[in-house]
Amino acid sequence: MEMFDHLDPMLKVLWCIALPASLIFVIQAVMSFMGLDSGEATAADFDGDLQGGDAPFQVFSLRNFINFALGFGWTGVCIYDELENKNIVLLLALLVGLAFVAIFFFMMRMFMRLAEDNTFKIESIVGRSGETYLSIPAGKSGTGKIQISVNGSFREIPAMTAGEKIETGAMIRVIAIHSGIAEVEKI
C-alpha cells in the first residue's frame, strides 16, 4: 500500500476504478458460465417493468457500467505514464470505455442472430408433400395420418381428404389446415 500512497491522485483514481471493475467483471463472467446470471434468484420484490421495452439489453445496466469502467480504468492506468497531457489520457480512456460498451452491444447483437425458433407450427406444412401413414377415409368422414418432413424431422399429423380414400404409402400434398387436422389431396 506504500506504493499506492505515492501515486498521483489521478492515477490513484484510475487504479480505484480498474481494480474493482476487474473483480466484478470476473465475478460476472464466472456467474455467466455457471448460469447464475439469469436474474431469477435475484428477482425484485415489486412490480415494475425494468426490461426497457423489446430491447434484449439495456444501455444503463451494471454489466455495461462494468464494461465501461474496465476499459476506462485499465486504459488510463496503462497510458498514464506514456502521455504528458492528462486530458488526453482521460479522453483516450473515455473512448476505450465507450468502445468496450459498443463491442459488448455488437457481440450481443451477433448472439441474438444465432437464436432460432424451432417450434413446430402446423400451418407451415400447407403446400408441402408427404406420405400417407394410415389410410385416410373418403369425403372428410374420418381421419388418417400422414408423415411429413418439417425442418429435417418427420411429423405424424392427423389428416382428412375431401376426395376418394387415400391408401397407406400414397404421396399427398397438404392443401389446408382445419382445427389441427391437415386436409390433403393425393398427388
C-alpha atoms as a PDB file:
ATOM      1  CA  MET A   1       0.000   0.000   0.000  1.00  0.00           C
ATOM      2  CA  GLU A   2       3.011   2.281   0.435  1.00  0.00           C
ATOM      3  CA  MET A   3       3.483   2.371  -3.320  1.00  0.00           C
ATOM      4  CA  PHE A   4      -0.142   3.372  -3.735  1.00  0.00           C
ATOM      5  CA  ASP A   5       0.300   6.334  -1.341  1.00  0.00           C
ATOM      6  CA  HIS A   6       2.985   7.911  -3.545  1.00  0.00           C
ATOM      7  CA  LEU A   7       0.972   7.878  -6.770  1.00  0.00           C
ATOM      8  CA  ASP A   8      -0.559  10.957  -8.376  1.00  0.00           C
ATOM      9  CA  PRO A   9      -4.183  11.490  -7.313  1.00  0.00           C
ATOM     10  CA  MET A  10      -5.478  10.929 -10.859  1.00  0.00           C
ATOM     11  CA  LEU A  11      -3.580   7.643 -11.166  1.00  0.00           C
ATOM     12  CA  LYS A  12      -4.975   6.544  -7.772  1.00  0.00           C
ATOM     13  CA  VAL A  13      -8.496   7.171  -9.068  1.00  0.00           C
ATOM     14  CA  LEU A  14      -7.774   5.174 -12.238  1.00  0.00           C
ATOM     15  CA  TRP A  15      -6.470   2.262 -10.156  1.00  0.00           C
ATOM     16  CA  CYS A  16      -9.548   2.527  -7.895  1.00  0.00           C
ATOM     17  CA  ILE A  17     -11.723   2.197 -10.991  1.00  0.00           C
ATOM     18  CA  ALA A  18      -9.726  -0.551 -12.749  1.00  0.00           C
ATOM     19  CA  LEU A  19      -9.280  -2.997  -9.855  1.00  0.00           C
ATOM     20  CA  PRO A  20     -12.884  -3.195  -8.566  1.00  0.00           C
ATOM     21  CA  ALA A  21     -14.198  -3.255 -12.154  1.00  0.00           C
ATOM     22  CA  SER A  22     -11.893  -6.191 -12.896  1.00  0.00           C
ATOM     23  CA  LEU A  23     -13.020  -8.061  -9.796  1.00  0.00           C
ATOM     24  CA  ILE A  24     -16.713  -7.527 -10.579  1.00  0.00           C
ATOM     25  CA  PHE A  25     -16.119  -8.469 -14.227  1.00  0.00           C
ATOM     26  CA  VAL A  26     -14.522 -11.765 -13.188  1.00  0.00           C
ATOM     27  CA  ILE A  27     -17.421 -12.474 -10.810  1.00  0.00           C
ATOM     28  CA  GLN A  28     -19.934 -11.710 -13.587  1.00  0.00           C
ATOM     29  CA  ALA A  29     -18.048 -13.956 -16.020  1.00  0.00           C
ATOM     30  CA  VAL A  30     -17.977 -16.866 -13.563  1.00  0.00           C
ATOM     31  CA  MET A  31     -21.673 -16.405 -12.802  1.00  0.00           C
ATOM     32  CA  SER A  32     -22.465 -16.322 -16.537  1.00  0.00           C
ATOM     33  CA  PHE A  33     -20.580 -19.558 -17.181  1.00  0.00           C
ATOM     34  CA  MET A  34     -22.336 -21.210 -14.245  1.00  0.00           C
ATOM     35  CA  GLY A  35     -25.742 -19.974 -15.440  1.00  0.00           C
ATOM     36  CA  LEU A  36     -26.339 -17.883 -12.339  1.00  0.00           C
ATOM     37  CA  ASP A  37     -26.831 -14.596 -14.185  1.00  0.00           C
ATOM     38  CA  SER A  38     -30.438 -15.178 -15.282  1.00  0.00           C
ATOM     39  CA  GLY A  39     -31.828 -12.902 -12.601  1.00  0.00           C
ATOM     40  CA  GLU A  40     -34.386 -15.423 -11.335  1.00  0.00           C
ATOM     41  CA  ALA A  41     -32.644 -15.836  -7.993  1.00  0.00           C
ATOM     42  CA  THR A  42     -32.361 -12.088  -7.507  1.00  0.00           C
ATOM     43  CA  ALA A  43     -35.879 -11.088  -8.519  1.00  0.00           C
ATOM     44  CA  ALA A  44     -37.071  -7.799  -7.088  1.00  0.00           C
ATOM     45  CA  ASP A  45     -39.923  -7.753  -4.602  1.00  0.00           C
ATOM     46  CA  PHE A  46     -42.004  -5.196  -6.501  1.00  0.00           C
ATOM     47  CA  ASP A  47     -43.923  -4.841  -9.743  1.00  0.00           C
ATOM     48  CA  GLY A  48     -42.116  -2.809 -12.341  1.00  0.00           C
ATOM     49  CA  ASP A  49     -41.016  -3.230 -15.911  1.00  0.00           C
ATOM     50  CA  LEU A  50     -37.260  -2.782 -15.828  1.00  0.00           C
ATOM     51  CA  GLN A  51     -36.663  -4.523 -19.146  1.00  0.00           C
ATOM     52  CA  GLY A  52     -36.683  -1.359 -21.243  1.00  0.00           C
ATOM     53  CA  GLY A  53     -39.144  -2.480 -23.897  1.00  0.00           C
ATOM     54  CA  ASP A  54     -38.324  -5.061 -26.527  1.00  0.00           C
ATOM     55  CA  ALA A  55     -34.564  -4.489 -26.400  1.00  0.00           C
ATOM     56  CA  PRO A  56     -32.564  -7.591 -25.442  1.00  0.00           C
ATOM     57  CA  PHE A  57     -30.175  -5.440 -23.425  1.00  0.00           C
ATOM     58  CA  GLN A  58     -30.241  -2.071 -21.702  1.00  0.00           C
ATOM     59  CA  VAL A  59     -27.870   0.850 -22.201  1.00  0.00           C
ATOM     60  CA  PHE A  60     -27.714   1.680 -18.498  1.00  0.00           C
ATOM     61  CA  SER A  61     -27.023  -1.567 -16.684  1.00  0.00           C
ATOM     62  CA  LEU A  62     -24.482  -2.823 -14.197  1.00  0.00           C
ATOM     63  CA  ARG A  63     -22.864  -5.021 -16.850  1.00  0.00           C
ATOM     64  CA  ASN A  64     -22.410  -2.074 -19.228  1.00  0.00           C
ATOM     65  CA  PHE A  65     -21.104   0.124 -16.408  1.00  0.00           C
ATOM     66  CA  ILE A  66     -18.533  -2.543 -15.534  1.00  0.00           C
ATOM     67  CA  ASN A  67     -17.543  -2.907 -19.210  1.00  0.00           C
ATOM     68  CA  PHE A  68     -17.069   0.863 -19.435  1.00  0.00           C
ATOM     69  CA  ALA A  69     -15.144   1.039 -16.139  1.00  0.00           C
ATOM     70  CA  LEU A  70     -12.924  -1.852 -17.221  1.00  0.00           C
ATOM     71  CA  GLY A  71     -11.928  -0.145 -20.476  1.00  0.00           C
ATOM     72  CA  PHE A  72     -11.681   3.305 -18.920  1.00  0.00           C
ATOM     73  CA  GLY A  73      -9.700   2.278 -15.833  1.00  0.00           C
ATOM     74  CA  TRP A  74      -7.170  -0.020 -17.451  1.00  0.00           C
ATOM     75  CA  THR A  75      -6.589   2.280 -20.421  1.00  0.00           C
ATOM     76  CA  GLY A  76      -5.956   5.168 -18.048  1.00  0.00           C
ATOM     77  CA  VAL A  77      -3.586   3.104 -15.899  1.00  0.00           C
ATOM     78  CA  CYS A  78      -1.657   1.772 -18.909  1.00  0.00           C
ATOM     79  CA  ILE A  79      -1.127   5.070 -20.731  1.00  0.00           C
ATOM     80  CA  TYR A  80      -0.848   7.410 -17.730  1.00  0.00           C
ATOM     81  CA  ASP A  81       2.954   7.493 -17.731  1.00  0.00           C
ATOM     82  CA  GLU A  82       3.210   7.466 -21.536  1.00  0.00           C
ATOM     83  CA  LEU A  83       1.481  10.791 -22.189  1.00  0.00           C
ATOM     84  CA  GLU A  84       2.271  14.174 -20.657  1.00  0.00           C
ATOM     85  CA  ASN A  85      -1.171  15.691 -21.219  1.00  0.00           C
ATOM     86  CA  LYS A  86      -3.524  14.073 -18.692  1.00  0.00           C
ATOM     87  CA  ASN A  87      -6.592  15.413 -20.508  1.00  0.00           C
ATOM     88  CA  ILE A  88      -5.627  13.265 -23.500  1.00  0.00           C
ATOM     89  CA  VAL A  89      -5.222  10.296 -21.142  1.00  0.00           C
ATOM     90  CA  LEU A  90      -8.774  10.841 -19.856  1.00  0.00           C
ATOM     91  CA  LEU A  91     -10.121  11.325 -23.391  1.00  0.00           C
ATOM     92  CA  LEU A  92      -8.483   8.122 -24.650  1.00  0.00           C
ATOM     93  CA  ALA A  93      -9.661   6.208 -21.572  1.00  0.00           C
ATOM     94  CA  LEU A  94     -13.194   7.534 -22.154  1.00  0.00           C
ATOM     95  CA  LEU A  95     -13.091   6.459 -25.806  1.00  0.00           C
ATOM     96  CA  VAL A  96     -11.839   2.984 -24.935  1.00  0.00           C
ATOM     97  CA  GLY A  97     -14.511   2.638 -22.229  1.00  0.00           C
ATOM     98  CA  LEU A  98     -17.198   3.559 -24.754  1.00  0.00           C
ATOM     99  CA  ALA A  99     -15.624   1.154 -27.258  1.00  0.00           C
ATOM    100  CA  PHE A 100     -15.899  -1.659 -24.677  1.00  0.00           C
ATOM    101  CA  VAL A 101     -19.641  -0.973 -24.337  1.00  0.00           C
ATOM    102  CA  ALA A 102     -20.035  -0.799 -28.141  1.00  0.00           C
ATOM    103  CA  ILE A 103     -18.183  -4.106 -28.549  1.00  0.00           C
ATOM    104  CA  PHE A 104     -20.466  -5.668 -25.943  1.00  0.00           C
ATOM    105  CA  PHE A 105     -23.554  -4.430 -27.836  1.00  0.00           C
ATOM    106  CA  PHE A 106     -22.137  -5.746 -31.113  1.00  0.00           C
ATOM    107  CA  MET A 107     -21.402  -9.165 -29.596  1.00  0.00           C
ATOM    108  CA  MET A 108     -24.880  -9.384 -28.050  1.00  0.00           C
ATOM    109  CA  ARG A 109     -26.439  -8.460 -31.380  1.00  0.00           C
ATOM    110  CA  MET A 110     -24.474 -11.245 -33.082  1.00  0.00           C
ATOM    111  CA  PHE A 111     -25.531 -13.720 -30.376  1.00  0.00           C
ATOM    112  CA  MET A 112     -29.185 -12.704 -30.842  1.00  0.00           C
ATOM    113  CA  ARG A 113     -28.879 -13.566 -34.542  1.00  0.00           C
ATOM    114  CA  LEU A 114     -27.966 -17.111 -33.546  1.00  0.00           C
ATOM    115  CA  ALA A 115     -31.352 -17.582 -31.891  1.00  0.00           C
ATOM    116  CA  GLU A 116     -33.621 -19.811 -33.922  1.00  0.00           C
ATOM    117  CA  ASP A 117     -37.280 -20.587 -33.398  1.00  0.00           C
ATOM    118  CA  ASN A 118     -37.731 -24.321 -33.982  1.00  0.00           C
ATOM    119  CA  THR A 119     -41.250 -24.590 -32.636  1.00  0.00           C
ATOM    120  CA  PHE A 120     -43.491 -26.546 -34.938  1.00  0.00           C
ATOM    121  CA  LYS A 121     -46.391 -24.621 -36.404  1.00  0.00           C
ATOM    122  CA  ILE A 122     -48.836 -26.846 -38.229  1.00  0.00           C
ATOM    123  CA  GLU A 123     -49.684 -24.019 -40.637  1.00  0.00           C
ATOM    124  CA  SER A 124     -46.137 -24.295 -42.031  1.00  0.00           C
ATOM    125  CA  ILE A 125     -46.941 -27.592 -43.784  1.00  0.00           C
ATOM    126  CA  VAL A 126     -49.539 -26.144 -46.168  1.00  0.00           C
ATOM    127  CA  GLY A 127     -48.301 -26.760 -49.717  1.00  0.00           C
ATOM    128  CA  ARG A 128     -45.813 -29.438 -48.680  1.00  0.00           C
ATOM    129  CA  SER A 129     -45.887 -33.016 -49.831  1.00  0.00           C
ATOM    130  CA  GLY A 130     -45.626 -36.128 -47.739  1.00  0.00           C
ATOM    131  CA  GLU A 131     -46.758 -39.732 -47.458  1.00  0.00           C
ATOM    132  CA  THR A 132     -49.866 -41.356 -46.036  1.00  0.00           C
ATOM    133  CA  TYR A 133     -49.017 -43.229 -42.854  1.00  0.00           C
ATOM    134  CA  LEU A 134     -52.523 -44.523 -42.017  1.00  0.00           C
ATOM    135  CA  SER A 135     -55.137 -44.622 -44.772  1.00  0.00           C
ATOM    136  CA  ILE A 136     -57.415 -41.594 -44.955  1.00  0.00           C
ATOM    137  CA  PRO A 137     -61.180 -42.243 -45.383  1.00  0.00           C
ATOM    138  CA  ALA A 138     -63.028 -40.573 -48.261  1.00  0.00           C
ATOM    139  CA  GLY A 139     -65.146 -37.426 -48.037  1.00  0.00           C
ATOM    140  CA  LYS A 140     -63.996 -35.988 -44.697  1.00  0.00           C
ATOM    141  CA  SER A 141     -65.764 -38.849 -42.906  1.00  0.00           C
ATOM    142  CA  GLY A 142     -62.789 -39.606 -40.698  1.00  0.00           C
ATOM    143  CA  THR A 143     -59.112 -39.054 -40.258  1.00  0.00           C
ATOM    144  CA  GLY A 144     -55.974 -40.924 -41.086  1.00  0.00           C
ATOM    145  CA  LYS A 145     -52.364 -39.907 -40.590  1.00  0.00           C
ATOM    146  CA  ILE A 146     -49.659 -38.511 -42.815  1.00  0.00           C
ATOM    147  CA  GLN A 147     -45.913 -38.344 -42.407  1.00  0.00           C
ATOM    148  CA  ILE A 148     -44.284 -35.115 -43.475  1.00  0.00           C
ATOM    149  CA  SER A 149     -40.755 -33.764 -43.114  1.00  0.00           C
ATOM    150  CA  VAL A 150     -40.509 -30.401 -41.334  1.00  0.00           C
ATOM    151  CA  ASN A 151     -37.110 -28.845 -40.587  1.00  0.00           C
ATOM    152  CA  GLY A 152     -35.356 -32.178 -41.042  1.00  0.00           C
ATOM    153  CA  SER A 153     -37.621 -34.241 -38.782  1.00  0.00           C
ATOM    154  CA  PHE A 154     -40.655 -36.355 -39.636  1.00  0.00           C
ATOM    155  CA  ARG A 155     -44.006 -35.483 -38.099  1.00  0.00           C
ATOM    156  CA  GLU A 156     -47.129 -37.628 -37.902  1.00  0.00           C
ATOM    157  CA  ILE A 157     -50.137 -35.415 -38.422  1.00  0.00           C
ATOM    158  CA  PRO A 158     -53.854 -36.291 -38.471  1.00  0.00           C
ATOM    159  CA  ALA A 159     -55.270 -35.813 -41.964  1.00  0.00           C
ATOM    160  CA  MET A 160     -58.544 -35.906 -43.886  1.00  0.00           C
ATOM    161  CA  THR A 161     -59.477 -35.610 -47.536  1.00  0.00           C
ATOM    162  CA  ALA A 162     -62.477 -34.290 -49.435  1.00  0.00           C
ATOM    163  CA  GLY A 163     -61.869 -36.728 -52.306  1.00  0.00           C
ATOM    164  CA  GLU A 164     -61.525 -40.503 -52.532  1.00  0.00           C
ATOM    165  CA  LYS A 165     -59.914 -42.713 -49.907  1.00  0.00           C
ATOM    166  CA  ILE A 166     -56.123 -42.405 -49.834  1.00  0.00           C
ATOM    167  CA  GLU A 167     -54.268 -45.655 -49.121  1.00  0.00           C
ATOM    168  CA  THR A 168     -51.243 -46.068 -46.878  1.00  0.00           C
ATOM    169  CA  GLY A 169     -47.997 -45.167 -48.634  1.00  0.00           C
ATOM    170  CA  ALA A 170     -49.587 -42.808 -51.192  1.00  0.00           C
ATOM    171  CA  MET A 171     -47.941 -39.450 -51.878  1.00  0.00           C
ATOM    172  CA  ILE A 172     -50.042 -36.472 -50.772  1.00  0.00           C
ATOM    173  CA  ARG A 173     -49.952 -32.670 -50.690  1.00  0.00           C
ATOM    174  CA  VAL A 174     -51.355 -30.613 -47.810  1.00  0.00           C
ATOM    175  CA  ILE A 175     -53.884 -28.081 -49.097  1.00  0.00           C
ATOM    176  CA  ALA A 176     -55.305 -26.636 -45.842  1.00  0.00           C
ATOM    177  CA  ILE A 177     -55.379 -26.943 -42.050  1.00  0.00           C
ATOM    178  CA  HIS A 178     -58.693 -27.233 -40.146  1.00  0.00           C
ATOM    179  CA  SER A 179     -58.537 -27.281 -36.327  1.00  0.00           C
ATOM    180  CA  GLY A 180     -55.157 -29.003 -36.282  1.00  0.00           C
ATOM    181  CA  ILE A 181     -56.090 -31.568 -38.959  1.00  0.00           C
ATOM    182  CA  ALA A 182     -54.438 -31.399 -42.365  1.00  0.00           C
ATOM    183  CA  GLU A 183     -56.641 -31.513 -45.427  1.00  0.00           C
ATOM    184  CA  VAL A 184     -54.737 -33.368 -48.138  1.00  0.00           C
ATOM    185  CA  GLU A 185     -55.064 -34.413 -51.754  1.00  0.00           C
ATOM    186  CA  LYS A 186     -53.433 -37.327 -53.492  1.00  0.00           C
ATOM    187  CA  ILE A 187     -50.580 -36.471 -55.844  1.00  0.00           C
END
